[in-house]
Protein backbone atom coordinates (compact mmCIF):
# COMPACT_ATOMS: atom_id res chain seq x y z
CA UNK A 1 46.41 145.34 79.81
CA UNK A 2 44.56 146.46 76.94
CA UNK A 3 41.30 146.12 78.65
CA UNK A 4 42.64 147.91 81.71
CA UNK A 5 43.61 150.75 79.51
CA UNK A 6 40.24 151.10 77.68
CA UNK A 7 41.38 149.53 74.35
CA UNK A 8 39.21 146.52 73.73
CA UNK A 9 39.90 146.39 69.86
CA UNK A 10 43.60 145.95 70.88
CA UNK A 11 42.76 143.29 73.33
CA UNK A 12 40.84 141.39 70.64
CA UNK A 13 43.74 141.69 68.11
CA UNK A 14 46.13 140.38 70.80
CA UNK A 15 43.80 137.45 71.83
CA UNK A 16 43.22 136.64 68.18
CA UNK A 17 47.02 136.47 67.42
CA UNK A 18 47.44 134.46 70.74
CA UNK A 19 44.68 132.05 69.64
CA UNK A 20 45.46 132.12 65.76
CA UNK A 21 41.90 132.84 65.06
CA UNK A 22 40.32 136.15 63.48
CA UNK A 23 39.29 138.80 65.80
CA UNK A 24 35.72 138.57 64.90
CA UNK A 25 35.50 134.81 65.70
CA UNK A 26 32.85 133.82 68.19
CA UNK A 27 35.31 132.01 70.55
CA UNK A 28 37.59 135.32 70.48
CA UNK A 29 34.56 137.53 71.24
CA UNK A 30 33.24 135.11 74.02
CA UNK A 31 36.60 135.00 75.64
CA UNK A 32 36.92 138.85 75.34
CA UNK A 33 33.67 139.36 76.93
CA UNK A 34 34.54 137.10 79.78
CA UNK A 35 37.87 139.05 80.38
CA UNK A 36 35.89 142.35 80.50
CA UNK A 37 33.34 141.02 82.85
CA UNK A 38 36.14 139.77 85.04
CA UNK A 39 38.05 143.24 84.93
CA UNK A 40 34.67 145.02 85.67
CA UNK A 41 34.01 142.74 88.74
CA UNK A 42 37.60 143.22 90.29
CA UNK A 43 37.05 147.09 89.80
CA UNK A 44 33.81 146.73 91.71
CA UNK A 45 35.63 145.12 94.82
CA UNK A 46 37.64 148.22 95.24
CA UNK A 47 41.17 149.23 95.27
CA UNK A 48 43.98 147.25 97.03
CA UNK A 49 47.60 147.54 97.52
CA UNK A 50 50.24 144.95 98.25
CA UNK A 51 50.28 146.41 101.94
CA UNK A 52 46.89 144.99 102.31
CA UNK A 53 48.53 141.41 102.22
CA UNK A 54 50.24 142.44 105.72
CA UNK A 55 47.24 144.06 107.47
CA UNK A 56 44.99 142.41 110.02
CA UNK A 57 44.31 138.81 110.14
CA UNK A 58 45.53 138.22 106.48
CA UNK A 59 49.02 139.54 107.67
CA UNK A 60 48.87 137.11 110.58
CA UNK A 61 48.12 134.15 108.14
CA UNK A 62 50.84 135.19 105.94
CA UNK A 63 53.39 135.47 108.65
CA UNK A 64 52.49 131.99 109.98
CA UNK A 65 52.76 130.38 106.53
CA UNK A 66 55.98 131.97 105.98
CA UNK A 67 57.43 131.01 109.26
CA UNK A 68 56.07 127.35 108.63
CA UNK A 69 57.91 127.17 105.40
CA UNK A 70 61.08 128.54 106.87
CA UNK A 71 61.08 126.26 109.81
CA UNK A 72 60.46 123.36 107.37
CA UNK A 73 63.79 123.85 105.78
CA UNK A 74 65.42 123.41 109.30
CA UNK A 75 64.39 119.77 109.27
CA UNK A 76 67.33 118.78 106.82
CA UNK A 77 65.22 116.71 104.54
CA UNK A 78 66.48 118.71 101.44
CA UNK A 79 69.97 117.83 102.29
CA UNK A 80 69.02 114.07 102.16
CA UNK A 81 67.01 114.54 98.80
CA UNK A 82 69.80 116.71 97.05
CA UNK A 83 72.94 115.13 98.52
CA UNK A 84 71.77 111.92 99.96
CA UNK A 85 73.50 109.52 97.35
CA UNK A 86 77.00 111.22 97.92
CA UNK A 87 76.32 111.39 101.88
CA UNK A 88 75.29 107.84 102.04
CA UNK A 89 78.22 106.67 99.89
CA UNK A 90 80.74 108.66 101.90
CA UNK A 91 79.29 107.29 105.10
CA UNK A 92 80.35 103.80 104.20
CA UNK A 93 76.96 102.44 102.73
CA UNK A 94 78.03 100.33 99.74
CA UNK A 95 75.25 101.68 97.15
CA UNK A 96 74.35 105.21 98.14
CA UNK A 97 71.92 105.70 95.12
CA UNK A 98 69.93 102.66 96.13
CA UNK A 99 69.62 104.05 99.63
CA UNK A 100 68.74 107.49 98.34
CA UNK A 101 66.04 105.91 95.93
CA UNK A 102 64.71 103.95 98.90
CA UNK A 103 64.39 107.47 100.86
CA UNK A 104 62.67 109.18 98.01
CA UNK A 105 60.18 106.32 97.56
CA UNK A 106 59.40 106.47 101.20
CA UNK A 107 58.92 110.14 100.78
CA UNK A 108 56.48 109.66 97.84
CA UNK A 109 54.61 106.84 99.53
CA UNK A 110 54.07 108.93 102.70
CA UNK A 111 52.58 111.87 100.70
CA UNK A 112 49.14 109.84 100.35
CA UNK A 113 48.62 108.76 103.87
CA UNK A 114 49.57 112.53 104.97
CA UNK A 115 46.97 113.97 102.45
CA UNK A 116 44.24 111.51 103.93
CA UNK A 117 45.23 112.61 107.36
CA UNK A 118 44.84 116.29 106.56
CA UNK A 119 41.30 115.78 105.10
CA UNK A 120 40.31 113.51 108.02
CA UNK A 121 41.82 115.39 111.11
CA UNK A 122 42.70 118.79 109.78
CA UNK A 123 45.97 120.80 109.59
CA UNK A 124 46.00 122.13 113.03
CA UNK A 125 46.08 118.83 114.98
CA UNK A 126 48.61 117.45 112.61
CA UNK A 127 50.79 120.43 112.90
CA UNK A 128 50.60 120.41 116.73
CA UNK A 129 51.24 116.61 116.78
CA UNK A 130 54.17 117.17 114.38
CA UNK A 131 55.71 119.87 116.54
CA UNK A 132 55.38 117.81 119.81
CA UNK A 133 56.89 114.76 118.01
CA UNK A 134 59.90 116.99 116.78
CA UNK A 135 60.34 118.68 119.97
CA UNK A 136 60.47 115.46 122.06
CA UNK A 137 63.03 113.71 119.67
CA UNK A 138 65.17 116.82 119.48
CA UNK A 139 65.19 116.94 123.33
CA UNK A 140 66.28 113.40 123.30
CA UNK A 141 68.86 113.99 120.83
CA UNK A 142 70.30 116.87 122.77
CA UNK A 143 70.32 114.91 126.14
CA UNK A 144 72.18 112.02 124.43
CA UNK A 145 74.69 114.36 122.72
CA UNK A 146 75.48 116.05 126.07
CA UNK A 147 75.79 112.70 127.51
CA UNK A 148 78.09 111.44 124.94
CA UNK A 149 80.20 114.75 124.89
CA UNK A 150 80.45 114.68 128.79
CA UNK A 151 82.17 111.27 128.66
CA UNK A 152 84.67 112.61 126.05
CA UNK A 153 85.67 115.95 127.64
CA UNK A 154 86.26 114.82 131.30
CA UNK A 155 83.13 116.41 132.62
CA UNK A 156 84.10 119.94 131.49
CA UNK A 157 80.83 120.60 129.90
CA UNK A 158 78.79 119.51 132.87
CA UNK A 159 78.77 123.00 134.72
CA UNK A 160 76.89 124.05 131.27
CA UNK A 161 74.01 121.75 131.81
CA UNK A 162 70.84 122.37 133.70
CA UNK A 163 71.20 121.09 137.40
CA UNK A 164 68.00 118.82 136.71
CA UNK A 165 69.81 116.79 133.90
CA UNK A 166 73.08 116.08 135.94
CA UNK A 167 71.82 112.86 137.61
CA UNK A 168 70.80 111.38 134.25
CA UNK A 169 74.20 112.47 132.80
CA UNK A 170 76.16 111.03 135.53
CA UNK A 171 74.07 107.94 135.47
CA UNK A 172 75.06 107.43 131.72
CA UNK A 173 78.73 107.99 132.50
CA UNK A 174 79.00 105.20 135.05
């Protein structure tokens, strides 16, 4: 901040206090020269505002990253990590803590193959494969849930189902 305001002597005193060295020490002078050079380099790049983060290609990338992080929260994995022990115990598993530790261990162990695959294949193909896998599993879950509900509600939900799914649901009922 002192460099930005044009007070290198105050910057040297602040840096010497932080490093616990005298202001005329060679290490302080070298670091101060590096800070000044970095500040001058940043000034040579021109002015920028926070709005520049949202413009053009950078805005598209920022929106994509924020959207991916938001959608990641919908997978429900945080629920398992934070409330897994209680959930497993309340669901009838004898030792919910052990099950939760196994789940966390699998998560940690899966990190390393994931990092290798990102380096080997790239982010985009892995993201697309993950999206296809999640979409197919979610659609199977939806179909099986609708089939189960249709058995318990005396077919009152069948008019809400797409006509192309009716034969499959009626087949499961019999």
